[in-house]
C-alpha cells in the first residue's frame, strides 16, 4: 500500500484520484441538470413574467449599451488609417539648422 518512503502506491493514488474526479463530476452534473435548469426555466422566467416593465427597461438598456459601446470605446473600434508622411520637418523654422533646409 505504501512505498518505503511513505508515499502511496502509484496505482492506488490513480484509483483514489479517479474516484474523487468521478464524485466531483457526478455532483457537478447533478447540479447543472437539476438546479441550473430550474433557475433558468422557472425562476428567471417567473421573474420576467412577474415584472414585464422592468424586464423591458433592462433589455432596452442592454441593447442600447451594445449598440453605443463600440462608438464610445476607442480601443474597440476599427483602427483609423495613419496619414501619409510629409517631407516637412516637424520643427519650426527658428529651430532648424542650416543643414536641414
C-alpha atoms as a PDB file:
ATOM      1  CA  UNK A   1       0.000   0.000   0.000  1.00  0.00           C
ATOM      2  CA  UNK A   2       2.740   2.479   0.953  1.00  0.00           C
ATOM      3  CA  UNK A   3       6.218   2.581  -0.547  1.00  0.00           C
ATOM      4  CA  UNK A   4       9.351   2.627   1.586  1.00  0.00           C
ATOM      5  CA  UNK A   5       9.444   6.415   1.592  1.00  0.00           C
ATOM      6  CA  UNK A   6       5.861   6.653   2.881  1.00  0.00           C
ATOM      7  CA  UNK A   7       4.243   7.664  -0.394  1.00  0.00           C
ATOM      8  CA  UNK A   8       1.142   5.970  -1.714  1.00  0.00           C
ATOM      9  CA  UNK A   9       1.457   3.296  -4.389  1.00  0.00           C
ATOM     10  CA  UNK A  10       1.007   4.905  -7.852  1.00  0.00           C
ATOM     11  CA  UNK A  11      -1.879   2.570  -8.777  1.00  0.00           C
ATOM     12  CA  UNK A  12      -3.728   3.316  -5.550  1.00  0.00           C
ATOM     13  CA  UNK A  13      -3.045   7.021  -5.990  1.00  0.00           C
ATOM     14  CA  UNK A  14      -4.525   6.850  -9.512  1.00  0.00           C
ATOM     15  CA  UNK A  15      -7.596   4.975  -8.229  1.00  0.00           C
ATOM     16  CA  UNK A  16      -8.072   7.482  -5.414  1.00  0.00           C
ATOM     17  CA  UNK A  17      -7.891  10.431  -7.815  1.00  0.00           C
ATOM     18  CA  UNK A  18     -10.250   8.659 -10.241  1.00  0.00           C
ATOM     19  CA  UNK A  19     -12.854   8.156  -7.503  1.00  0.00           C
ATOM     20  CA  UNK A  20     -12.554  11.793  -6.410  1.00  0.00           C
ATOM     21  CA  UNK A  21     -12.867  13.072 -10.005  1.00  0.00           C
ATOM     22  CA  UNK A  22     -15.901  10.863 -10.640  1.00  0.00           C
ATOM     23  CA  UNK A  23     -17.585  12.023  -7.419  1.00  0.00           C
ATOM     24  CA  UNK A  24     -16.970  15.700  -8.209  1.00  0.00           C
ATOM     25  CA  UNK A  25     -18.114  15.171 -11.806  1.00  0.00           C
ATOM     26  CA  UNK A  26     -21.316  13.487 -10.648  1.00  0.00           C
ATOM     27  CA  UNK A  27     -22.042  16.328  -8.226  1.00  0.00           C
ATOM     28  CA  UNK A  28     -21.439  18.950 -10.930  1.00  0.00           C
ATOM     29  CA  UNK A  29     -23.614  17.058 -13.417  1.00  0.00           C
ATOM     30  CA  UNK A  30     -26.497  16.834 -10.928  1.00  0.00           C
ATOM     31  CA  UNK A  31     -26.108  20.498 -10.060  1.00  0.00           C
ATOM     32  CA  UNK A  32     -26.128  21.546 -13.726  1.00  0.00           C
ATOM     33  CA  UNK A  33     -29.033  19.334 -14.782  1.00  0.00           C
ATOM     34  CA  UNK A  34     -31.285  19.878 -11.765  1.00  0.00           C
ATOM     35  CA  UNK A  35     -30.583  23.255 -10.178  1.00  0.00           C
ATOM     36  CA  UNK A  36     -29.322  25.444 -13.024  1.00  0.00           C
ATOM     37  CA  UNK A  37     -32.109  24.325 -15.341  1.00  0.00           C
ATOM     38  CA  UNK A  38     -34.610  25.174 -12.612  1.00  0.00           C
ATOM     39  CA  UNK A  39     -33.109  28.650 -12.232  1.00  0.00           C
ATOM     40  CA  UNK A  40     -33.394  29.397 -15.939  1.00  0.00           C
ATOM     41  CA  UNK A  41     -36.743  27.806 -16.757  1.00  0.00           C
ATOM     42  CA  UNK A  42     -38.743  28.509 -13.601  1.00  0.00           C
ATOM     43  CA  UNK A  43     -37.089  31.206 -11.516  1.00  0.00           C
ATOM     44  CA  UNK A  44     -35.849  33.527 -14.253  1.00  0.00           C
ATOM     45  CA  UNK A  45     -38.948  33.112 -16.407  1.00  0.00           C
ATOM     46  CA  UNK A  46     -41.135  33.762 -13.362  1.00  0.00           C
ATOM     47  CA  UNK A  47     -39.224  36.963 -12.660  1.00  0.00           C
ATOM     48  CA  UNK A  48     -39.636  38.077 -16.291  1.00  0.00           C
ATOM     49  CA  UNK A  49     -43.346  37.252 -16.307  1.00  0.00           C
ATOM     50  CA  UNK A  50     -43.982  38.988 -12.978  1.00  0.00           C
ATOM     51  CA  UNK A  51     -42.160  42.217 -13.909  1.00  0.00           C
ATOM     52  CA  UNK A  52     -42.511  42.876 -17.659  1.00  0.00           C
ATOM     53  CA  UNK A  53     -41.837  46.626 -17.433  1.00  0.00           C
ATOM     54  CA  UNK A  54     -38.575  46.189 -15.563  1.00  0.00           C
ATOM     55  CA  UNK A  55     -37.560  43.440 -17.957  1.00  0.00           C
ATOM     56  CA  UNK A  56     -38.289  45.700 -20.917  1.00  0.00           C
ATOM     57  CA  UNK A  57     -36.225  48.510 -19.417  1.00  0.00           C
ATOM     58  CA  UNK A  58     -33.284  46.179 -18.814  1.00  0.00           C
ATOM     59  CA  UNK A  59     -33.488  44.795 -22.351  1.00  0.00           C
ATOM     60  CA  UNK A  60     -33.673  48.272 -23.924  1.00  0.00           C
ATOM     61  CA  UNK A  61     -30.764  49.447 -21.776  1.00  0.00           C
ATOM     62  CA  UNK A  62     -28.678  46.395 -22.636  1.00  0.00           C
ATOM     63  CA  UNK A  63     -29.330  46.663 -26.364  1.00  0.00           C
ATOM     64  CA  UNK A  64     -28.540  50.384 -26.371  1.00  0.00           C
ATOM     65  CA  UNK A  65     -25.303  49.709 -24.467  1.00  0.00           C
ATOM     66  CA  UNK A  66     -24.316  47.083 -27.020  1.00  0.00           C
ATOM     67  CA  UNK A  67     -25.022  49.470 -29.884  1.00  0.00           C
ATOM     68  CA  UNK A  68     -23.384  52.571 -28.375  1.00  0.00           C
ATOM     69  CA  UNK A  69     -20.361  50.973 -26.707  1.00  0.00           C
ATOM     70  CA  UNK A  70     -18.278  50.495 -29.887  1.00  0.00           C
ATOM     71  CA  UNK A  71     -18.753  54.152 -30.836  1.00  0.00           C
ATOM     72  CA  UNK A  72     -17.542  55.462 -27.486  1.00  0.00           C
ATOM     73  CA  UNK A  73     -14.833  52.858 -26.959  1.00  0.00           C
ATOM     74  CA  UNK A  74     -11.733  53.800 -28.939  1.00  0.00           C
ATOM     75  CA  UNK A  75      -9.863  50.546 -28.438  1.00  0.00           C
ATOM     76  CA  UNK A  76     -12.927  48.525 -29.538  1.00  0.00           C
ATOM     77  CA  UNK A  77     -13.413  50.297 -32.857  1.00  0.00           C
ATOM     78  CA  UNK A  78     -11.551  49.626 -36.080  1.00  0.00           C
ATOM     79  CA  UNK A  79      -8.163  51.284 -36.402  1.00  0.00           C
ATOM     80  CA  UNK A  80      -8.018  54.501 -38.369  1.00  0.00           C
ATOM     81  CA  UNK A  81      -5.552  54.719 -41.228  1.00  0.00           C
ATOM     82  CA  UNK A  82      -2.417  56.684 -40.481  1.00  0.00           C
ATOM     83  CA  UNK A  83      -1.872  59.845 -42.531  1.00  0.00           C
ATOM     84  CA  UNK A  84       0.808  59.857 -45.181  1.00  0.00           C
ATOM     85  CA  UNK A  85       4.171  61.182 -44.033  1.00  0.00           C
ATOM     86  CA  UNK A  86       5.241  64.513 -45.370  1.00  0.00           C
ATOM     87  CA  UNK A  87       8.760  65.585 -46.151  1.00  0.00           C
ATOM     88  CA  UNK A  88       8.441  68.669 -43.986  1.00  0.00           C
ATOM     89  CA  UNK A  89      10.357  68.803 -40.764  1.00  0.00           C
ATOM     90  CA  UNK A  90       8.363  68.800 -37.538  1.00  0.00           C
ATOM     91  CA  UNK A  91      10.489  71.656 -36.157  1.00  0.00           C
ATOM     92  CA  UNK A  92       9.632  75.320 -36.714  1.00  0.00           C
ATOM     93  CA  UNK A  93      11.935  77.400 -38.886  1.00  0.00           C
ATOM     94  CA  UNK A  94      13.654  79.002 -35.901  1.00  0.00           C
ATOM     95  CA  UNK A  95      14.769  75.630 -34.546  1.00  0.00           C
ATOM     96  CA  UNK A  96      16.096  74.189 -37.810  1.00  0.00           C
ATOM     97  CA  UNK A  97      19.739  74.284 -38.582  1.00  0.00           C
ATOM     98  CA  UNK A  98      21.052  75.296 -41.967  1.00  0.00           C
ATOM     99  CA  UNK A  99      21.730  71.669 -42.871  1.00  0.00           C
ATOM    100  CA  UNK A 100      18.050  70.641 -42.691  1.00  0.00           C
ATOM    101  CA  UNK A 101      16.787  73.410 -45.006  1.00  0.00           C
END
